[in-house]
């Protein structure tokens, strides 16, 4: 037990660097998917409201588009 072991922390570990890069990529992908979800979710809700409004107008004024 009298032997000393040198553990130097000089430089960066390639394994740790690779894990950090994967975490960065993963967080970017997650951020992009969240933005995409929020953007399309709002458009879908707005589009559904517009369709409902148009259907109400069609029923109210008895409009028929078939001939």
N, C-alpha and C. Protein backbone atom coordinates (compact mmCIF):
# COMPACT_ATOMS: atom_id res chain seq x y z
N UNK A 1 0.80 -1.20 0.00
CA UNK A 1 0.00 0.00 0.00
C UNK A 1 0.85 1.27 0.00
N UNK A 2 2.12 1.10 -0.15
CA UNK A 2 2.98 2.27 -0.13
C UNK A 2 3.21 2.84 -1.53
N UNK A 3 2.67 2.20 -2.57
CA UNK A 3 2.86 2.69 -3.93
C UNK A 3 1.84 3.79 -4.22
N UNK A 4 2.32 4.80 -4.90
CA UNK A 4 1.45 5.92 -5.27
C UNK A 4 1.02 5.77 -6.73
N UNK A 5 -0.20 6.11 -7.00
CA UNK A 5 -0.72 6.07 -8.37
C UNK A 5 -1.00 7.50 -8.80
N UNK A 6 -0.45 7.87 -9.93
CA UNK A 6 -0.70 9.21 -10.45
C UNK A 6 -1.95 9.18 -11.32
N UNK A 7 -2.86 10.03 -11.00
CA UNK A 7 -4.05 10.17 -11.84
C UNK A 7 -4.08 11.62 -12.30
N UNK A 8 -3.68 11.82 -13.49
CA UNK A 8 -3.63 13.18 -14.02
C UNK A 8 -4.90 13.52 -14.76
N UNK A 9 -5.32 14.72 -14.63
CA UNK A 9 -6.53 15.19 -15.31
C UNK A 9 -6.19 16.15 -16.42
N UNK A 10 -5.12 15.88 -17.15
CA UNK A 10 -4.68 16.77 -18.21
C UNK A 10 -5.40 16.41 -19.49
N UNK A 11 -5.97 17.39 -20.17
CA UNK A 11 -6.65 17.15 -21.43
C UNK A 11 -8.11 16.77 -21.23
N UNK A 12 -8.74 16.44 -22.31
CA UNK A 12 -10.15 16.09 -22.27
C UNK A 12 -10.33 14.64 -22.71
N UNK A 13 -11.27 13.99 -22.11
CA UNK A 13 -11.55 12.60 -22.46
C UNK A 13 -12.40 12.58 -23.73
N UNK A 14 -11.98 11.81 -24.74
CA UNK A 14 -12.76 11.73 -25.97
C UNK A 14 -14.17 11.18 -25.75
N UNK A 15 -14.29 10.25 -24.80
CA UNK A 15 -15.61 9.67 -24.53
C UNK A 15 -16.55 10.72 -23.95
N UNK A 16 -16.03 11.53 -23.03
CA UNK A 16 -16.86 12.57 -22.42
C UNK A 16 -17.21 13.64 -23.44
N UNK A 17 -16.26 13.99 -24.29
CA UNK A 17 -16.53 14.98 -25.34
C UNK A 17 -17.61 14.49 -26.29
N UNK A 18 -17.56 13.22 -26.66
CA UNK A 18 -18.57 12.66 -27.56
C UNK A 18 -19.94 12.68 -26.90
N UNK A 19 -20.01 12.34 -25.62
CA UNK A 19 -21.29 12.37 -24.90
C UNK A 19 -21.84 13.79 -24.86
N UNK A 20 -20.97 14.77 -24.63
CA UNK A 20 -21.41 16.16 -24.60
C UNK A 20 -21.95 16.60 -25.96
N UNK A 21 -21.30 16.17 -27.03
CA UNK A 21 -21.78 16.51 -28.38
C UNK A 21 -23.13 15.88 -28.64
N UNK A 22 -23.31 14.64 -28.23
CA UNK A 22 -24.60 13.98 -28.43
C UNK A 22 -25.69 14.67 -27.62
N UNK A 23 -25.37 15.13 -26.44
CA UNK A 23 -26.35 15.86 -25.63
C UNK A 23 -26.75 17.16 -26.30
N UNK A 24 -25.77 17.86 -26.90
CA UNK A 24 -26.07 19.10 -27.61
C UNK A 24 -26.99 18.83 -28.79
N UNK A 25 -26.69 17.80 -29.56
CA UNK A 25 -27.51 17.45 -30.72
C UNK A 25 -28.91 17.07 -30.27
N UNK A 26 -28.99 16.27 -29.22
CA UNK A 26 -30.28 15.83 -28.71
C UNK A 26 -31.12 17.01 -28.25
N UNK A 27 -30.51 17.95 -27.55
CA UNK A 27 -31.27 19.10 -27.07
C UNK A 27 -31.72 19.98 -28.23
N UNK A 28 -30.92 20.08 -29.29
CA UNK A 28 -31.33 20.86 -30.47
C UNK A 28 -32.52 20.21 -31.16
N UNK A 29 -32.48 18.89 -31.28
CA UNK A 29 -33.58 18.17 -31.92
C UNK A 29 -34.85 18.32 -31.09
N UNK A 30 -34.73 18.21 -29.78
CA UNK A 30 -35.89 18.37 -28.91
C UNK A 30 -36.46 19.78 -29.01
N UNK A 31 -35.59 20.78 -29.05
CA UNK A 31 -36.05 22.16 -29.17
C UNK A 31 -36.77 22.38 -30.49
N UNK A 32 -36.22 21.84 -31.57
CA UNK A 32 -36.84 21.97 -32.88
C UNK A 32 -38.20 21.28 -32.92
N UNK A 33 -38.28 20.10 -32.32
CA UNK A 33 -39.57 19.39 -32.33
C UNK A 33 -40.61 20.11 -31.49
N UNK A 34 -40.19 20.72 -30.39
CA UNK A 34 -41.15 21.48 -29.57
C UNK A 34 -41.66 22.71 -30.33
N UNK A 35 -40.75 23.41 -31.02
CA UNK A 35 -41.17 24.57 -31.81
C UNK A 35 -42.12 24.17 -32.92
N UNK A 36 -41.80 23.07 -33.59
CA UNK A 36 -42.65 22.57 -34.67
C UNK A 36 -44.04 22.22 -34.14
N UNK A 37 -44.06 21.55 -33.02
CA UNK A 37 -45.33 21.13 -32.42
C UNK A 37 -46.18 22.35 -32.06
N UNK A 38 -45.55 23.35 -31.45
CA UNK A 38 -46.30 24.55 -31.05
C UNK A 38 -46.81 25.32 -32.26
N UNK A 39 -45.99 25.40 -33.31
CA UNK A 39 -46.39 26.15 -34.49
C UNK A 39 -47.57 25.49 -35.19
N UNK A 40 -47.49 24.19 -35.42
CA UNK A 40 -48.55 23.51 -36.14
C UNK A 40 -49.79 23.31 -35.28
N UNK A 41 -49.62 23.19 -33.98
CA UNK A 41 -50.76 23.03 -33.09
C UNK A 41 -51.63 24.28 -33.14
N UNK A 42 -51.02 25.44 -33.13
CA UNK A 42 -51.77 26.70 -33.18
C UNK A 42 -52.48 26.84 -34.53
N UNK A 43 -51.80 26.46 -35.60
CA UNK A 43 -52.41 26.56 -36.93
C UNK A 43 -53.58 25.61 -37.05
N UNK A 44 -53.45 24.42 -36.54
CA UNK A 44 -54.53 23.44 -36.63
C UNK A 44 -55.75 23.92 -35.87
N UNK A 45 -55.54 24.48 -34.70
CA UNK A 45 -56.66 24.98 -33.90
C UNK A 45 -57.33 26.15 -34.61
N UNK A 46 -56.53 27.03 -35.17
CA UNK A 46 -57.08 28.19 -35.88
C UNK A 46 -57.84 27.74 -37.13
N UNK A 47 -57.28 26.76 -37.83
CA UNK A 47 -57.93 26.24 -39.03
C UNK A 47 -59.26 25.58 -38.68
N UNK A 48 -59.30 24.85 -37.58
CA UNK A 48 -60.54 24.20 -37.16
C UNK A 48 -61.61 25.24 -36.82
N UNK A 49 -61.21 26.33 -36.19
CA UNK A 49 -62.15 27.40 -35.88
C UNK A 49 -62.70 28.03 -37.15
N UNK A 50 -61.84 28.24 -38.14
CA UNK A 50 -62.28 28.81 -39.42
C UNK A 50 -63.26 27.88 -40.12
N UNK A 51 -62.97 26.58 -40.14
CA UNK A 51 -63.88 25.62 -40.77
C UNK A 51 -65.23 25.60 -40.08
N UNK A 52 -65.21 25.64 -38.76
CA UNK A 52 -66.46 25.66 -38.00
C UNK A 52 -67.28 26.91 -38.32
N UNK A 53 -66.59 28.03 -38.41
CA UNK A 53 -67.27 29.30 -38.74
C UNK A 53 -67.88 29.23 -40.15
N UNK A 54 -67.14 28.67 -41.11
CA UNK A 54 -67.66 28.55 -42.47
C UNK A 54 -68.86 27.61 -42.54
N UNK A 55 -68.79 26.50 -41.79
CA UNK A 55 -69.92 25.57 -41.77
C UNK A 55 -71.16 26.23 -41.19
N UNK A 56 -70.98 27.04 -40.17
CA UNK A 56 -72.11 27.74 -39.57
C UNK A 56 -72.73 28.72 -40.56
N UNK A 57 -71.89 29.42 -41.32
CA UNK A 57 -72.40 30.36 -42.33
C UNK A 57 -73.16 29.61 -43.41
N UNK A 58 -72.61 28.46 -43.86
CA UNK A 58 -73.27 27.66 -44.90
C UNK A 58 -74.64 27.19 -44.41
N UNK A 59 -74.71 26.71 -43.18
CA UNK A 59 -76.00 26.24 -42.65
C UNK A 59 -76.97 27.40 -42.43
N UNK A 60 -76.45 28.52 -41.98
CA UNK A 60 -77.32 29.66 -41.67
C UNK A 60 -77.96 30.23 -42.94
N UNK A 61 -77.20 30.33 -44.01
CA UNK A 61 -77.70 30.94 -45.24
C UNK A 61 -78.13 29.90 -46.28
N UNK A 62 -78.15 28.65 -45.91
CA UNK A 62 -78.56 27.55 -46.79
C UNK A 62 -77.83 27.58 -48.12
N UNK A 63 -76.53 27.62 -48.06
CA UNK A 63 -75.69 27.66 -49.26
C UNK A 63 -75.39 26.22 -49.68
N UNK A 64 -75.53 25.96 -50.97
CA UNK A 64 -75.24 24.62 -51.51
C UNK A 64 -74.22 24.79 -52.64
N UNK A 65 -73.11 24.09 -52.57
CA UNK A 65 -72.08 24.20 -53.59
C UNK A 65 -72.16 23.10 -54.63
N UNK A 66 -73.09 22.19 -54.50
CA UNK A 66 -73.24 21.13 -55.50
C UNK A 66 -74.30 21.53 -56.52
N UNK A 67 -74.10 21.14 -57.78
CA UNK A 67 -75.09 21.47 -58.82
C UNK A 67 -75.40 20.25 -59.61
